[in-house]
C-alpha atoms as a PDB file:
ATOM      1  CA  UNK A   1      26.557 -32.701-119.139  1.00  0.00           C
ATOM      2  CA  UNK A   2      24.020 -29.323-118.349  1.00  0.00           C
ATOM      3  CA  UNK A   3      24.366 -30.416-114.548  1.00  0.00           C
ATOM      4  CA  UNK A   4      28.391 -30.498-114.986  1.00  0.00           C
ATOM      5  CA  UNK A   5      28.247 -27.161-117.102  1.00  0.00           C
ATOM      6  CA  UNK A   6      25.987 -25.565-114.477  1.00  0.00           C
ATOM      7  CA  UNK A   7      28.233 -26.910-111.464  1.00  0.00           C
ATOM      8  CA  UNK A   8      31.217 -25.372-113.148  1.00  0.00           C
ATOM      9  CA  UNK A   9      29.833 -21.963-113.678  1.00  0.00           C
ATOM     10  CA  UNK A  10      28.632 -22.194-110.000  1.00  0.00           C
ATOM     11  CA  UNK A  11      32.143 -22.885-108.939  1.00  0.00           C
ATOM     12  CA  UNK A  12      33.559 -19.690-110.679  1.00  0.00           C
ATOM     13  CA  UNK A  13      30.813 -17.817-108.994  1.00  0.00           C
ATOM     14  CA  UNK A  14      31.313 -19.160-105.726  1.00  0.00           C
ATOM     15  CA  UNK A  15      34.906 -18.286-105.409  1.00  0.00           C
ATOM     16  CA  UNK A  16      33.869 -14.411-105.892  1.00  0.00           C
ATOM     17  CA  UNK A  17      31.496 -14.905-103.132  1.00  0.00           C
ATOM     18  CA  UNK A  18      34.563 -17.026-101.375  1.00  0.00           C
ATOM     19  CA  UNK A  19      36.850 -14.159-101.334  1.00  0.00           C
ATOM     20  CA  UNK A  20      34.401 -11.579 -99.928  1.00  0.00           C
ATOM     21  CA  UNK A  21      32.922 -13.591 -97.256  1.00  0.00           C
ATOM     22  CA  UNK A  22      36.578 -14.224 -95.787  1.00  0.00           C
ATOM     23  CA  UNK A  23      36.661 -10.377 -95.621  1.00  0.00           C
ATOM     24  CA  UNK A  24      33.316 -10.351 -93.578  1.00  0.00           C
ATOM     25  CA  UNK A  25      34.783 -13.480 -91.620  1.00  0.00           C
ATOM     26  CA  UNK A  26      38.217 -12.131 -90.556  1.00  0.00           C
ATOM     27  CA  UNK A  27      36.853  -8.691 -89.661  1.00  0.00           C
ATOM     28  CA  UNK A  28      34.085 -10.535 -87.657  1.00  0.00           C
ATOM     29  CA  UNK A  29      36.517 -12.814 -86.021  1.00  0.00           C
ATOM     30  CA  UNK A  30      38.574 -10.297 -84.480  1.00  0.00           C
ATOM     31  CA  UNK A  31      36.656  -7.335 -83.820  1.00  0.00           C
ATOM     32  CA  UNK A  32      32.978  -8.787 -83.488  1.00  0.00           C
ATOM     33  CA  UNK A  33      31.767  -6.513 -86.451  1.00  0.00           C
ATOM     34  CA  UNK A  34      29.524  -7.225 -89.465  1.00  0.00           C
ATOM     35  CA  UNK A  35      31.194  -4.675 -92.244  1.00  0.00           C
ATOM     36  CA  UNK A  36      28.375  -4.062 -94.336  1.00  0.00           C
ATOM     37  CA  UNK A  37      30.263  -1.800 -96.452  1.00  0.00           C
ATOM     38  CA  UNK A  38      32.425  -4.505 -97.582  1.00  0.00           C
ATOM     39  CA  UNK A  39      30.839  -5.084-100.677  1.00  0.00           C
ATOM     40  CA  UNK A  40      31.294  -1.378-101.790  1.00  0.00           C
ATOM     41  CA  UNK A  41      35.111  -2.343-101.619  1.00  0.00           C
ATOM     42  CA  UNK A  42      34.081  -4.636-104.570  1.00  0.00           C
ATOM     43  CA  UNK A  43      32.959  -1.615-106.315  1.00  0.00           C
ATOM     44  CA  UNK A  44      35.784   0.147-105.461  1.00  0.00           C
ATOM     45  CA  UNK A  45      38.506  -2.586-106.631  1.00  0.00           C
ATOM     46  CA  UNK A  46      36.465  -3.277-109.830  1.00  0.00           C
ATOM     47  CA  UNK A  47      36.665   0.769-110.726  1.00  0.00           C
ATOM     48  CA  UNK A  48      40.184   0.998-109.920  1.00  0.00           C
ATOM     49  CA  UNK A  49      41.066  -2.240-112.119  1.00  0.00           C
ATOM     50  CA  UNK A  50      38.823  -0.156-114.812  1.00  0.00           C
ATOM     51  CA  UNK A  51      40.937   3.070-114.694  1.00  0.00           C
ATOM     52  CA  UNK A  52      44.006   0.906-115.287  1.00  0.00           C
ATOM     53  CA  UNK A  53      42.805  -1.328-117.989  1.00  0.00           C
ATOM     54  CA  UNK A  54      41.253   1.263-119.703  1.00  0.00           C
ATOM     55  CA  UNK A  55      44.734   3.384-119.674  1.00  0.00           C
ATOM     56  CA  UNK A  56      46.862   0.551-120.428  1.00  0.00           C
ATOM     57  CA  UNK A  57      44.708  -2.125-122.489  1.00  0.00           C
ATOM     58  CA  UNK A  58      44.004  -5.385-121.861  1.00  0.00           C
ATOM     59  CA  UNK A  59      47.166  -8.004-121.220  1.00  0.00           C
ATOM     60  CA  UNK A  60      48.548 -10.045-119.009  1.00  0.00           C
ATOM     61  CA  UNK A  61      50.751  -7.551-117.589  1.00  0.00           C
ATOM     62  CA  UNK A  62      48.443  -4.986-117.233  1.00  0.00           C
ATOM     63  CA  UNK A  63      45.620  -7.162-115.424  1.00  0.00           C
ATOM     64  CA  UNK A  64      48.588  -7.571-112.755  1.00  0.00           C
ATOM     65  CA  UNK A  65      49.192  -4.012-112.754  1.00  0.00           C
ATOM     66  CA  UNK A  66      45.241  -3.825-111.684  1.00  0.00           C
ATOM     67  CA  UNK A  67      45.263  -6.407-109.415  1.00  0.00           C
ATOM     68  CA  UNK A  68      47.955  -4.772-107.395  1.00  0.00           C
ATOM     69  CA  UNK A  69      47.148  -1.433-107.700  1.00  0.00           C
ATOM     70  CA  UNK A  70      43.200  -2.095-107.033  1.00  0.00           C
ATOM     71  CA  UNK A  71      44.393  -4.192-103.718  1.00  0.00           C
ATOM     72  CA  UNK A  72      47.011  -1.602-102.797  1.00  0.00           C
ATOM     73  CA  UNK A  73      44.285   1.414-102.993  1.00  0.00           C
ATOM     74  CA  UNK A  74      41.405  -1.008-101.069  1.00  0.00           C
ATOM     75  CA  UNK A  75      43.979  -2.121 -98.422  1.00  0.00           C
ATOM     76  CA  UNK A  76      44.733   1.408 -97.591  1.00  0.00           C
ATOM     77  CA  UNK A  77      40.946   2.491 -97.616  1.00  0.00           C
ATOM     78  CA  UNK A  78      40.181  -0.178 -95.363  1.00  0.00           C
ATOM     79  CA  UNK A  79      42.661   0.929 -92.670  1.00  0.00           C
ATOM     80  CA  UNK A  80      41.546   4.344 -93.183  1.00  0.00           C
ATOM     81  CA  UNK A  81      37.858   3.573 -92.541  1.00  0.00           C
ATOM     82  CA  UNK A  82      39.031   1.228 -89.791  1.00  0.00           C
ATOM     83  CA  UNK A  83      40.579   4.132 -88.294  1.00  0.00           C
ATOM     84  CA  UNK A  84      38.108   6.667 -88.435  1.00  0.00           C
ATOM     85  CA  UNK A  85      35.216   5.052 -88.442  1.00  0.00           C
ATOM     86  CA  UNK A  86      35.402   1.703 -86.361  1.00  0.00           C
ATOM     87  CA  UNK A  87      38.010   2.119 -83.954  1.00  0.00           C
ATOM     88  CA  UNK A  88      36.094   4.825 -81.977  1.00  0.00           C
ATOM     89  CA  UNK A  89      33.329   2.604 -81.419  1.00  0.00           C
ATOM     90  CA  UNK A  90      35.279  -0.151 -80.491  1.00  0.00           C
ATOM     91  CA  UNK A  91      33.507  -0.613 -76.796  1.00  0.00           C
ATOM     92  CA  UNK A  92      30.296   0.983 -77.923  1.00  0.00           C
ATOM     93  CA  UNK A  93      27.644  -1.605 -78.513  1.00  0.00           C
ATOM     94  CA  UNK A  94      27.703  -3.336 -81.487  1.00  0.00           C
ATOM     95  CA  UNK A  95      24.457  -1.904 -82.737  1.00  0.00           C
ATOM     96  CA  UNK A  96      26.172   1.566 -82.940  1.00  0.00           C
ATOM     97  CA  UNK A  97      29.334  -0.178 -85.331  1.00  0.00           C
ATOM     98  CA  UNK A  98      26.760  -1.756 -87.643  1.00  0.00           C
ATOM     99  CA  UNK A  99      24.730   1.277 -88.096  1.00  0.00           C
ATOM    100  CA  UNK A 100      28.327   2.905 -88.687  1.00  0.00           C
ATOM    101  CA  UNK A 101      28.881   0.594 -91.466  1.00  0.00           C
ATOM    102  CA  UNK A 102      25.840   0.911 -92.919  1.00  0.00           C
ATOM    103  CA  UNK A 103      26.462   4.737 -92.969  1.00  0.00           C
ATOM    104  CA  UNK A 104      30.097   4.190 -94.433  1.00  0.00           C
ATOM    105  CA  UNK A 105      28.114   1.892 -97.353  1.00  0.00           C
ATOM    106  CA  UNK A 106      25.741   4.593 -98.171  1.00  0.00           C
ATOM    107  CA  UNK A 107      28.827   7.273 -98.007  1.00  0.00           C
ATOM    108  CA  UNK A 108      30.988   5.120-100.826  1.00  0.00           C
ATOM    109  CA  UNK A 109      27.882   4.338-102.989  1.00  0.00           C
ATOM    110  CA  UNK A 110      26.662   7.854-103.106  1.00  0.00           C
ATOM    111  CA  UNK A 111      29.805   9.276-103.478  1.00  0.00           C
ATOM    112  CA  UNK A 112      30.944   7.368-106.036  1.00  0.00           C
ATOM    113  CA  UNK A 113      27.929   8.515-108.270  1.00  0.00           C
ATOM    114  CA  UNK A 114      29.362  12.271-107.848  1.00  0.00           C
ATOM    115  CA  UNK A 115      33.077  11.618-108.531  1.00  0.00           C
ATOM    116  CA  UNK A 116      33.706  12.228-112.487  1.00  0.00           C
ATOM    117  CA  UNK A 117      35.563   9.272-113.427  1.00  0.00           C
ATOM    118  CA  UNK A 118      32.841   6.905-111.957  1.00  0.00           C
ATOM    119  CA  UNK A 119      29.782   8.766-112.175  1.00  0.00           C
ATOM    120  CA  UNK A 120      26.095   7.251-111.781  1.00  0.00           C
ATOM    121  CA  UNK A 121      26.077   5.708-115.504  1.00  0.00           C
ATOM    122  CA  UNK A 122      26.758   1.962-116.252  1.00  0.00           C
ATOM    123  CA  UNK A 123      30.308   1.482-118.009  1.00  0.00           C
ATOM    124  CA  UNK A 124      31.742  -1.233-119.721  1.00  0.00           C
ATOM    125  CA  UNK A 125      34.533  -3.188-118.081  1.00  0.00           C
ATOM    126  CA  UNK A 126      37.439  -3.835-120.316  1.00  0.00           C
ATOM    127  CA  UNK A 127      38.272  -7.761-120.304  1.00  0.00           C
ATOM    128  CA  UNK A 128      39.693 -10.812-122.446  1.00  0.00           C
ATOM    129  CA  UNK A 129      38.474 -11.505-126.129  1.00  0.00           C
ATOM    130  CA  UNK A 130      36.018 -14.386-125.261  1.00  0.00           C
ATOM    131  CA  UNK A 131      37.795 -17.505-125.259  1.00  0.00           C
ATOM    132  CA  UNK A 132      35.953 -20.834-124.867  1.00  0.00           C
ATOM    133  CA  UNK A 133      37.324 -24.422-124.530  1.00  0.00           C
ATOM    134  CA  UNK A 134      35.390 -27.614-125.340  1.00  0.00           C
ATOM    135  CA  UNK A 135      36.223 -30.026-123.065  1.00  0.00           C
ATOM    136  CA  UNK A 136      34.107 -33.617-123.470  1.00  0.00           C
ATOM    137  CA  UNK A 137      31.342 -31.384-124.483  1.00  0.00           C
ATOM    138  CA  UNK A 138      31.198 -28.626-121.543  1.00  0.00           C
ATOM    139  CA  UNK A 139      32.157 -25.395-122.460  1.00  0.00           C
ATOM    140  CA  UNK A 140      34.839 -23.781-120.098  1.00  0.00           C
ATOM    141  CA  UNK A 141      35.757 -20.028-121.225  1.00  0.00           C
ATOM    142  CA  UNK A 142      39.245 -18.193-120.350  1.00  0.00           C
ATOM    143  CA  UNK A 143      37.186 -15.794-118.200  1.00  0.00           C
ATOM    144  CA  UNK A 144      36.371 -18.794-115.576  1.00  0.00           C
ATOM    145  CA  UNK A 145      39.590 -20.367-115.643  1.00  0.00           C
ATOM    146  CA  UNK A 146      41.029 -16.452-114.524  1.00  0.00           C
ATOM    147  CA  UNK A 147      38.431 -16.268-111.944  1.00  0.00           C
ATOM    148  CA  UNK A 148      38.749 -19.686-110.602  1.00  0.00           C
ATOM    149  CA  UNK A 149      42.434 -19.239-110.863  1.00  0.00           C
ATOM    150  CA  UNK A 150      42.782 -16.292-108.992  1.00  0.00           C
ATOM    151  CA  UNK A 151      40.787 -17.224-106.385  1.00  0.00           C
ATOM    152  CA  UNK A 152      42.537 -20.016-105.389  1.00  0.00           C
ATOM    153  CA  UNK A 153      45.957 -18.385-105.355  1.00  0.00           C
ATOM    154  CA  UNK A 154      44.686 -15.883-103.007  1.00  0.00           C
ATOM    155  CA  UNK A 155      43.102 -18.246-100.673  1.00  0.00           C
ATOM    156  CA  UNK A 156      46.104 -19.932-100.404  1.00  0.00           C
ATOM    157  CA  UNK A 157      48.026 -17.079 -99.787  1.00  0.00           C
ATOM    158  CA  UNK A 158      45.697 -15.974 -97.183  1.00  0.00           C
ATOM    159  CA  UNK A 159      45.713 -19.537 -95.485  1.00  0.00           C
ATOM    160  CA  UNK A 160      49.773 -19.001 -95.470  1.00  0.00           C
ATOM    161  CA  UNK A 161      49.466 -15.634 -93.980  1.00  0.00           C
ATOM    162  CA  UNK A 162      47.100 -16.859 -90.977  1.00  0.00           C
ATOM    163  CA  UNK A 163      48.724 -19.926 -90.456  1.00  0.00           C
ATOM    164  CA  UNK A 164      52.287 -19.339 -91.527  1.00  0.00           C
ATOM    165  CA  UNK A 165      53.417 -15.978 -90.393  1.00  0.00           C
ATOM    166  CA  UNK A 166      53.536 -14.147 -87.172  1.00  0.00           C
ATOM    167  CA  UNK A 167      51.088 -11.780 -87.854  1.00  0.00           C
ATOM    168  CA  UNK A 168      48.853 -14.368 -88.532  1.00  0.00           C
ATOM    169  CA  UNK A 169      49.673 -15.741 -84.874  1.00  0.00           C
ATOM    170  CA  UNK A 170      49.090 -12.358 -83.655  1.00  0.00           C
ATOM    171  CA  UNK A 171      45.622 -12.527 -85.675  1.00  0.00           C
ATOM    172  CA  UNK A 172      44.513 -16.189 -84.420  1.00  0.00           C
ATOM    173  CA  UNK A 173      45.609 -14.777 -80.508  1.00  0.00           C
ATOM    174  CA  UNK A 174      43.500 -11.504 -80.824  1.00  0.00           C
ATOM    175  CA  UNK A 175      40.536 -13.351 -82.164  1.00  0.00           C
ATOM    176  CA  UNK A 176      40.818 -15.505 -79.202  1.00  0.00           C
ATOM    177  CA  UNK A 177      41.013 -12.876 -76.438  1.00  0.00           C
ATOM    178  CA  UNK A 178      41.671  -9.110 -77.675  1.00  0.00           C
ATOM    179  CA  UNK A 179      42.687  -8.391 -73.730  1.00  0.00           C
ATOM    180  CA  UNK A 180      44.909 -11.108 -72.876  1.00  0.00           C
ATOM    181  CA  UNK A 181      46.633 -11.108 -76.726  1.00  0.00           C
ATOM    182  CA  UNK A 182      47.345  -7.121 -75.670  1.00  0.00           C
ATOM    183  CA  UNK A 183      48.758  -8.102 -72.394  1.00  0.00           C
ATOM    184  CA  UNK A 184      51.117 -10.771 -73.880  1.00  0.00           C
ATOM    185  CA  UNK A 185      52.060  -7.534 -76.186  1.00  0.00           C
ATOM    186  CA  UNK A 186      50.309  -8.066 -79.181  1.00  0.00           C
ATOM    187  CA  UNK A 187      49.904  -4.687 -80.815  1.00  0.00           C
ATOM    188  CA  UNK A 188      46.182  -5.190 -81.424  1.00  0.00           C
ATOM    189  CA  UNK A 189      45.548  -2.029 -83.115  1.00  0.00           C
ATOM    190  CA  UNK A 190      47.880  -2.898 -85.581  1.00  0.00           C
ATOM    191  CA  UNK A 191      46.447  -6.587 -86.248  1.00  0.00           C
ATOM    192  CA  UNK A 192      42.991  -5.207 -86.346  1.00  0.00           C
ATOM    193  CA  UNK A 193      43.833  -2.575 -89.005  1.00  0.00           C
ATOM    194  CA  UNK A 194      46.188  -5.318 -90.929  1.00  0.00           C
ATOM    195  CA  UNK A 195      42.803  -7.478 -90.782  1.00  0.00           C
ATOM    196  CA  UNK A 196      40.998  -4.616 -92.491  1.00  0.00           C
ATOM    197  CA  UNK A 197      43.990  -4.438 -95.016  1.00  0.00           C
ATOM    198  CA  UNK A 198      43.677  -7.812 -95.941  1.00  0.00           C
ATOM    199  CA  UNK A 199      39.683  -8.109 -96.031  1.00  0.00           C
ATOM    200  CA  UNK A 200      39.811  -5.379 -98.233  1.00  0.00           C
ATOM    201  CA  UNK A 201      42.036  -6.145-100.620  1.00  0.00           C
ATOM    202  CA  UNK A 202      40.232  -9.796-101.020  1.00  0.00           C
ATOM    203  CA  UNK A 203      37.309  -7.692-101.703  1.00  0.00           C
ATOM    204  CA  UNK A 204      39.252  -5.327-104.248  1.00  0.00           C
ATOM    205  CA  UNK A 205      40.614  -8.541-106.219  1.00  0.00           C
ATOM    206  CA  UNK A 206      36.872  -9.903-105.874  1.00  0.00           C
ATOM    207  CA  UNK A 207      35.876  -6.778-107.563  1.00  0.00           C
ATOM    208  CA  UNK A 208      37.945  -7.061-110.637  1.00  0.00           C
ATOM    209  CA  UNK A 209      36.979 -10.802-110.831  1.00  0.00           C
ATOM    210  CA  UNK A 210      33.243 -10.107-110.693  1.00  0.00           C
ATOM    211  CA  UNK A 211      33.803  -7.406-113.070  1.00  0.00           C
ATOM    212  CA  UNK A 212      35.542  -9.346-115.272  1.00  0.00           C
ATOM    213  CA  UNK A 213      33.227 -12.282-115.260  1.00  0.00           C
ATOM    214  CA  UNK A 214      29.943  -9.565-115.818  1.00  0.00           C
ATOM    215  CA  UNK A 215      31.855  -6.819-117.611  1.00  0.00           C
ATOM    216  CA  UNK A 216      29.938  -4.038-116.324  1.00  0.00           C
ATOM    217  CA  UNK A 217      31.017  -1.415-113.632  1.00  0.00           C
ATOM    218  CA  UNK A 218      28.536   0.899-111.692  1.00  0.00           C
ATOM    219  CA  UNK A 219      28.449   2.680-107.897  1.00  0.00           C
ATOM    220  CA  UNK A 220      25.713  -0.198-106.858  1.00  0.00           C
ATOM    221  CA  UNK A 221      27.284  -3.067-108.373  1.00  0.00           C
ATOM    222  CA  UNK A 222      28.768  -4.428-104.731  1.00  0.00           C
ATOM    223  CA  UNK A 223      25.626  -4.610-103.296  1.00  0.00           C
ATOM    224  CA  UNK A 224      24.268  -8.144-104.093  1.00  0.00           C
ATOM    225  CA  UNK A 225      27.407  -9.873-104.223  1.00  0.00           C
ATOM    226  CA  UNK A 226      28.191  -8.070-100.686  1.00  0.00           C
ATOM    227  CA  UNK A 227      25.045  -9.537 -99.465  1.00  0.00           C
ATOM    228  CA  UNK A 228      25.279 -12.645-100.950  1.00  0.00           C
ATOM    229  CA  UNK A 229      28.858 -13.224 -99.515  1.00  0.00           C
ATOM    230  CA  UNK A 230      27.610 -12.034 -95.541  1.00  0.00           C
ATOM    231  CA  UNK A 231      24.948 -15.390 -96.441  1.00  0.00           C
ATOM    232  CA  UNK A 232      28.099 -17.303 -97.362  1.00  0.00           C
ATOM    233  CA  UNK A 233      30.061 -15.975 -94.471  1.00  0.00           C
ATOM    234  CA  UNK A 234      27.122 -17.101 -91.872  1.00  0.00           C
ATOM    235  CA  UNK A 235      26.447 -20.316 -93.628  1.00  0.00           C
ATOM    236  CA  UNK A 236      30.088 -21.389 -93.442  1.00  0.00           C
ATOM    237  CA  UNK A 237      29.887 -19.890 -89.689  1.00  0.00           C
ATOM    238  CA  UNK A 238      31.313 -16.692 -89.752  1.00  0.00           C
ATOM    239  CA  UNK A 239      34.504 -16.528 -87.737  1.00  0.00           C
ATOM    240  CA  UNK A 240      35.716 -19.493 -89.500  1.00  0.00           C
ATOM    241  CA  UNK A 241      38.081 -18.864 -92.613  1.00  0.00           C
ATOM    242  CA  UNK A 242      37.585 -22.515 -93.928  1.00  0.00           C
ATOM    243  CA  UNK A 243      33.715 -21.906 -93.412  1.00  0.00           C
ATOM    244  CA  UNK A 244      33.964 -18.827 -95.605  1.00  0.00           C
ATOM    245  CA  UNK A 245      35.579 -20.483 -98.607  1.00  0.00           C
ATOM    246  CA  UNK A 246      33.223 -23.667 -98.369  1.00  0.00           C
ATOM    247  CA  UNK A 247      30.203 -21.287 -97.862  1.00  0.00           C
ATOM    248  CA  UNK A 248      31.177 -19.156-101.175  1.00  0.00           C
ATOM    249  CA  UNK A 249      31.376 -22.319-103.392  1.00  0.00           C
ATOM    250  CA  UNK A 250      27.976 -24.143-101.872  1.00  0.00           C
ATOM    251  CA  UNK A 251      26.242 -20.306-102.657  1.00  0.00           C
ATOM    252  CA  UNK A 252      27.654 -19.674-106.026  1.00  0.00           C
ATOM    253  CA  UNK A 253      26.401 -23.498-107.197  1.00  0.00           C
ATOM    254  CA  UNK A 254      23.104 -23.044-105.443  1.00  0.00           C
ATOM    255  CA  UNK A 255      22.123 -20.030-107.534  1.00  0.00           C
ATOM    256  CA  UNK A 256      23.621 -21.448-110.997  1.00  0.00           C
ATOM    257  CA  UNK A 257      21.643 -24.466-110.282  1.00  0.00           C
ATOM    258  CA  UNK A 258      18.384 -22.406-109.696  1.00  0.00           C
ATOM    259  CA  UNK A 259      19.052 -20.141-112.697  1.00  0.00           C
ATOM    260  CA  UNK A 260      20.002 -23.318-114.859  1.00  0.00           C
ATOM    261  CA  UNK A 261      17.298 -25.507-113.767  1.00  0.00           C
ATOM    262  CA  UNK A 262      14.183 -23.657-112.266  1.00  0.00           C
ATOM    263  CA  UNK A 263      14.412 -19.915-112.945  1.00  0.00           C
ATOM    264  CA  UNK A 264      16.882 -16.895-112.890  1.00  0.00           C
ATOM    265  CA  UNK A 265      14.499 -14.830-110.964  1.00  0.00           C
ATOM    266  CA  UNK A 266      14.598 -17.269-108.239  1.00  0.00           C
ATOM    267  CA  UNK A 267      18.193 -17.282-107.505  1.00  0.00           C
ATOM    268  CA  UNK A 268      18.406 -14.098-104.823  1.00  0.00           C
ATOM    269  CA  UNK A 269      15.274 -15.533-103.164  1.00  0.00           C
ATOM    270  CA  UNK A 270      17.317 -19.134-102.646  1.00  0.00           C
ATOM    271  CA  UNK A 271      20.356 -17.221-101.675  1.00  0.00           C
ATOM    272  CA  UNK A 272      18.204 -15.467 -98.766  1.00  0.00           C
ATOM    273  CA  UNK A 273      16.367 -18.695 -98.172  1.00  0.00           C
ATOM    274  CA  UNK A 274      19.803 -20.482 -97.535  1.00  0.00           C
ATOM    275  CA  UNK A 275      20.342 -17.825 -94.779  1.00  0.00           C
ATOM    276  CA  UNK A 276      16.997 -18.318 -93.382  1.00  0.00           C
ATOM    277  CA  UNK A 277      17.563 -21.810 -93.253  1.00  0.00           C
ATOM    278  CA  UNK A 278      21.060 -21.912 -91.726  1.00  0.00           C
ATOM    279  CA  UNK A 279      19.590 -19.305 -88.903  1.00  0.00           C
ATOM    280  CA  UNK A 280      16.969 -21.624 -87.776  1.00  0.00           C
ATOM    281  CA  UNK A 281      18.669 -24.993 -88.234  1.00  0.00           C
ATOM    282  CA  UNK A 282      22.153 -23.943 -87.429  1.00  0.00           C
ATOM    283  CA  UNK A 283      22.730 -20.437 -86.612  1.00  0.00           C
ATOM    284  CA  UNK A 284      26.542 -20.976 -86.067  1.00  0.00           C
ATOM    285  CA  UNK A 285      26.859 -22.112 -89.325  1.00  0.00           C
ATOM    286  CA  UNK A 286      28.751 -25.498 -90.974  1.00  0.00           C
ATOM    287  CA  UNK A 287      32.029 -24.575 -89.324  1.00  0.00           C
ATOM    288  CA  UNK A 288      31.219 -22.489 -86.097  1.00  0.00           C
ATOM    289  CA  UNK A 289      30.876 -23.092 -82.881  1.00  0.00           C
ATOM    290  CA  UNK A 290      27.712 -22.658 -80.200  1.00  0.00           C
ATOM    291  CA  UNK A 291      28.673 -19.765 -77.694  1.00  0.00           C
ATOM    292  CA  UNK A 292      26.788 -18.343 -74.717  1.00  0.00           C
ATOM    293  CA  UNK A 293      27.152 -15.180 -74.179  1.00  0.00           C
ATOM    294  CA  UNK A 294      26.668 -13.847 -70.449  1.00  0.00           C
ATOM    295  CA  UNK A 295      24.063 -10.965 -69.958  1.00  0.00           C
END
């Protein structure tokens, strides 16, 4: 029973990592950029949700408003960051964009420390009253149900956008060959901005879910989840949407099993150990494809 309990906990946590990993993998799949500021979008999304829930109280309606508000604000912010920070570097060496992403991350984190309603001190995140259900001796909380349910809905919605809409077809074409997509009449700039907006919106939703599961918000809360989501994206095959989903769940389960049966102190080490292992054994990830680049 303990093993099944930890598996359920891991799937709940892994669904949050999967949402974040989707943002990493979508952006990398189109512009080949590792957006290390993505974890800080989680933090901003959590604070946006905190603002709404503090003002309106915690009800199903206010949670819906919090998700919509947070995802909208972060989607706009994602577009602004792409247009101002990454677009001018699109033809520059990748290291320039990578350094810029780290700089954007640092700017967001330290900027949050001086904004009045955020500040450097941790704040209690408003959440549901703890309701637990006992199913055949397995404890399942309302928070876990909400986290997993919302994550699955968003993943299904993303899959529809990518595979069932005209914009999704444009995104797939741009990821295969940006220059050819441009010559075929696709507005590449619009596609890239839309990709950043979708990734940031998913990150914002992940932020609210993460703060609901671990009810505290502070400026550096997105640092570790962001890094672990990157590990999940690499594990699944960066650039692969199904891989990001699977990688998130695998990482969440591995982390909770480590906490439950070995030591909570080793949980982070196991996560980054998985990164090292996958880079040594299968650098392309579980769903990735090996590609050769001409020098």
